[in-house]
């Protein structure tokens, strides 16, 4: 939770600073308003990824995350079936099958907790829905003559996530003060700072 909190705060601050020399697609408050649902989904899914990362190895976590395109397709089929029929190809289906087989084989060799794959699947579903909502948001904006870039989606998403994540951290501190303080000390370490910056760069760029 603390790691996720540091991620969203850092990304939100860096995005706001970048707005000093670049003009966002829309005014910042309007971008945040449009990205409200996407931002909350991103926060929960990102928090879930960090939970899985705490239970499994880094390699296994990103093996589970490799299933994300599958859930994007499933969410696309449910939310926008017309677009699904336009975008689905035999090549995409084949690649999904290869990913599924690879994840099954990797899980067979994994020693992580039995609940870990279930958590990973749940949060991949959220990432899938998030991706489809982003596509819909960008399509709606394009229809009105506005191009919202991925940069102007992720930055406001993190801004939206700062307040609810801060509330969760405060509640966590009230319940487990020593654990939260220890986590904050780790985040101020060199490895914690580097991992936070890398996570920001990975998501933002």
Protein backbone atom coordinates (compact mmCIF):
# COMPACT_ATOMS: atom_id res chain seq x y z
CA UNK A 1 0.00 0.00 0.00
CA UNK A 2 2.79 2.44 0.92
CA UNK A 3 4.70 1.57 -2.26
CA UNK A 4 1.56 2.20 -4.36
CA UNK A 5 1.02 5.49 -2.52
CA UNK A 6 4.57 6.61 -3.29
CA UNK A 7 4.09 5.59 -6.93
CA UNK A 8 0.93 7.63 -7.48
CA UNK A 9 2.26 10.67 -5.61
CA UNK A 10 5.52 10.69 -7.56
CA UNK A 11 3.77 10.22 -10.90
CA UNK A 12 1.20 12.92 -10.09
CA UNK A 13 3.90 15.41 -9.05
CA UNK A 14 6.06 14.72 -12.11
CA UNK A 15 3.05 15.04 -14.42
CA UNK A 16 2.07 18.38 -12.85
CA UNK A 17 5.66 19.65 -13.17
CA UNK A 18 5.75 18.57 -16.83
CA UNK A 19 2.66 20.74 -17.44
CA UNK A 20 4.86 23.79 -16.83
CA UNK A 21 6.53 23.32 -20.24
CA UNK A 22 3.92 21.32 -22.16
CA UNK A 23 0.23 21.99 -22.75
CA UNK A 24 -2.12 19.13 -21.77
CA UNK A 25 -4.77 17.95 -24.23
CA UNK A 26 -7.43 19.56 -22.01
CA UNK A 27 -7.42 21.66 -18.81
CA UNK A 28 -6.07 19.58 -15.92
CA UNK A 29 -9.30 19.57 -13.90
CA UNK A 30 -11.29 18.42 -16.94
CA UNK A 31 -8.77 15.65 -17.61
CA UNK A 32 -9.06 14.49 -13.99
CA UNK A 33 -12.85 14.56 -14.21
CA UNK A 34 -12.86 12.49 -17.42
CA UNK A 35 -10.35 10.03 -15.95
CA UNK A 36 -12.10 9.58 -12.59
CA UNK A 37 -13.30 5.99 -13.18
CA UNK A 38 -10.11 5.03 -15.03
CA UNK A 39 -7.98 6.50 -12.24
CA UNK A 40 -9.75 4.55 -9.50
CA UNK A 41 -9.50 1.32 -11.52
CA UNK A 42 -5.81 1.97 -12.14
CA UNK A 43 -5.20 2.57 -8.43
CA UNK A 44 -6.90 -0.68 -7.34
CA UNK A 45 -5.26 -2.73 -10.10
CA UNK A 46 -1.83 -1.25 -9.39
CA UNK A 47 -2.25 -1.91 -5.68
CA UNK A 48 -3.24 -5.49 -6.52
CA UNK A 49 -0.14 -5.93 -8.66
CA UNK A 50 2.02 -4.86 -5.74
CA UNK A 51 0.17 -7.34 -3.49
CA UNK A 52 0.91 -10.14 -5.97
CA UNK A 53 4.52 -8.95 -6.17
CA UNK A 54 4.77 -9.35 -2.39
CA UNK A 55 3.53 -12.96 -2.63
CA UNK A 56 5.36 -14.13 -5.74
CA UNK A 57 8.69 -13.53 -7.41
CA UNK A 58 9.16 -10.64 -9.81
CA UNK A 59 9.35 -13.06 -12.74
CA UNK A 60 6.08 -14.79 -11.79
CA UNK A 61 4.29 -11.47 -11.21
CA UNK A 62 5.07 -10.29 -14.72
CA UNK A 63 4.24 -13.73 -16.07
CA UNK A 64 0.75 -13.25 -14.62
CA UNK A 65 0.66 -9.71 -16.03
CA UNK A 66 1.33 -11.21 -19.46
CA UNK A 67 -2.31 -12.34 -19.37
CA UNK A 68 -3.48 -8.72 -19.39
CA UNK A 69 -4.04 -8.57 -23.21
CA UNK A 70 -6.40 -11.55 -22.88
CA UNK A 71 -8.55 -9.68 -20.36
CA UNK A 72 -8.43 -6.55 -22.51
CA UNK A 73 -9.97 -8.58 -25.33
CA UNK A 74 -12.60 -10.05 -22.99
CA UNK A 75 -13.48 -6.59 -21.64
CA UNK A 76 -13.62 -5.28 -25.20
CA UNK A 77 -16.04 -8.09 -26.11
CA UNK A 78 -18.34 -7.25 -23.19
CA UNK A 79 -18.18 -3.45 -23.23
CA UNK A 80 -17.86 -2.69 -26.96
CA UNK A 81 -18.73 -5.85 -28.96
CA UNK A 82 -18.75 -3.97 -32.27
CA UNK A 83 -15.17 -2.82 -31.83
CA UNK A 84 -14.22 -6.34 -30.72
CA UNK A 85 -15.41 -7.83 -34.02
CA UNK A 86 -13.48 -5.14 -35.91
CA UNK A 87 -10.20 -5.58 -34.07
CA UNK A 88 -10.00 -9.33 -33.38
CA UNK A 89 -7.81 -11.30 -35.79
CA UNK A 90 -6.56 -14.88 -36.00
CA UNK A 91 -3.07 -13.61 -35.16
CA UNK A 92 -4.27 -12.05 -31.92
CA UNK A 93 -6.13 -15.22 -30.97
CA UNK A 94 -3.02 -17.31 -31.65
CA UNK A 95 -0.82 -15.02 -29.57
CA UNK A 96 -3.31 -15.19 -26.69
CA UNK A 97 -3.23 -19.00 -26.77
CA UNK A 98 0.58 -18.97 -26.64
CA UNK A 99 0.50 -16.62 -23.63
CA UNK A 100 -2.07 -18.78 -21.82
CA UNK A 101 -0.03 -21.96 -22.34
CA UNK A 102 3.13 -20.16 -21.19
CA UNK A 103 1.49 -18.90 -17.99
CA UNK A 104 0.09 -22.38 -17.23
CA UNK A 105 3.54 -23.94 -17.65
CA UNK A 106 5.17 -21.23 -15.53
CA UNK A 107 2.57 -21.64 -12.77
CA UNK A 108 3.17 -25.40 -12.76
CA UNK A 109 6.81 -24.72 -11.83
CA UNK A 110 5.98 -21.94 -9.39
CA UNK A 111 6.12 -22.26 -5.61
CA UNK A 112 4.04 -19.15 -4.91
CA UNK A 113 0.88 -19.19 -2.79
CA UNK A 114 -2.11 -20.91 -4.37
CA UNK A 115 -4.19 -17.72 -4.08
CA UNK A 116 -1.65 -15.67 -6.05
CA UNK A 117 -2.93 -16.63 -9.55
CA UNK A 118 -6.50 -15.79 -8.48
CA UNK A 119 -5.41 -12.34 -7.30
CA UNK A 120 -3.45 -11.85 -10.53
CA UNK A 121 -6.48 -12.80 -12.65
CA UNK A 122 -8.75 -10.46 -10.68
CA UNK A 123 -6.45 -7.49 -11.11
CA UNK A 124 -5.80 -8.33 -14.76
CA UNK A 125 -9.56 -8.06 -15.29
CA UNK A 126 -9.45 -4.57 -13.76
CA UNK A 127 -6.52 -3.63 -15.99
CA UNK A 128 -8.46 -4.95 -18.98
CA UNK A 129 -11.54 -2.88 -18.15
CA UNK A 130 -9.29 0.14 -17.54
CA UNK A 131 -7.69 -0.22 -20.98
CA UNK A 132 -11.08 -0.45 -22.72
CA UNK A 133 -12.37 2.59 -20.82
CA UNK A 134 -9.27 4.51 -21.92
CA UNK A 135 -9.93 3.56 -25.56
CA UNK A 136 -13.55 4.69 -25.20
CA UNK A 137 -12.52 7.97 -23.52
CA UNK A 138 -10.00 8.72 -26.28
CA UNK A 139 -12.53 7.83 -29.00
CA UNK A 140 -15.18 10.12 -27.47
CA UNK A 141 -12.69 12.98 -27.19
CA UNK A 142 -11.52 12.43 -30.76
CA UNK A 143 -15.16 12.68 -31.90
CA UNK A 144 -15.28 16.18 -30.43
CA UNK A 145 -11.99 17.14 -32.05
CA UNK A 146 -9.69 16.59 -29.04
CA UNK A 147 -6.78 14.13 -29.02
CA UNK A 148 -6.06 12.82 -25.51
CA UNK A 149 -2.64 11.18 -25.42
CA UNK A 150 -1.67 8.27 -23.21
CA UNK A 151 0.48 10.71 -21.23
CA UNK A 152 -2.62 12.83 -20.52
CA UNK A 153 -4.47 9.73 -19.36
CA UNK A 154 -1.92 8.22 -17.00
CA UNK A 155 -0.91 11.49 -15.29
CA UNK A 156 -4.47 12.51 -14.32
CA UNK A 157 -5.17 8.87 -13.34
CA UNK A 158 -2.44 9.14 -10.71
CA UNK A 159 -3.72 12.53 -9.55
CA UNK A 160 -7.18 10.99 -9.07
CA UNK A 161 -5.61 8.11 -7.10
CA UNK A 162 -3.66 10.28 -4.64
CA UNK A 163 -6.57 11.13 -2.31
CA UNK A 164 -8.13 7.65 -1.88
CA UNK A 165 -4.68 6.07 -1.55
CA UNK A 166 -3.69 8.64 1.08
CA UNK A 167 -6.86 7.85 3.04
CA UNK A 168 -6.01 4.13 2.92
CA UNK A 169 -2.44 4.79 4.12
CA UNK A 170 -3.71 6.91 7.03
CA UNK A 171 -6.18 4.16 8.04
CA UNK A 172 -3.39 1.60 7.74
CA UNK A 173 -1.18 3.76 9.94
CA UNK A 174 -3.89 3.95 12.61
CA UNK A 175 -4.07 0.14 12.64
CA UNK A 176 -0.41 -0.77 12.10
CA UNK A 177 1.75 2.33 12.78
CA UNK A 178 5.06 0.47 13.09
CA UNK A 179 4.59 -1.40 9.80
CA UNK A 180 3.69 1.76 7.88
CA UNK A 181 6.66 3.69 9.31
CA UNK A 182 8.98 0.81 8.41
CA UNK A 183 7.59 0.76 4.85
CA UNK A 184 8.12 4.52 4.55
CA UNK A 185 11.74 4.11 5.70
CA UNK A 186 12.26 1.47 3.01
CA UNK A 187 10.80 3.81 0.39
CA UNK A 188 13.34 6.48 1.35
CA UNK A 189 16.15 3.99 0.75
CA UNK A 190 18.07 4.02 -2.53
CA UNK A 191 16.45 0.81 -3.82
CA UNK A 192 12.98 2.05 -2.87
CA UNK A 193 13.50 5.37 -4.64
CA UNK A 194 14.89 3.69 -7.77
CA UNK A 195 12.02 1.16 -7.93
CA UNK A 196 9.45 3.96 -7.56
CA UNK A 197 11.03 6.04 -10.33
CA UNK A 198 11.27 2.95 -12.59
CA UNK A 199 7.61 2.16 -11.98
CA UNK A 200 6.68 5.75 -12.87
CA UNK A 201 8.77 5.70 -16.02
CA UNK A 202 7.43 2.29 -17.08
CA UNK A 203 3.81 3.38 -16.74
CA UNK A 204 4.15 6.92 -18.00
CA UNK A 205 6.30 6.30 -21.05
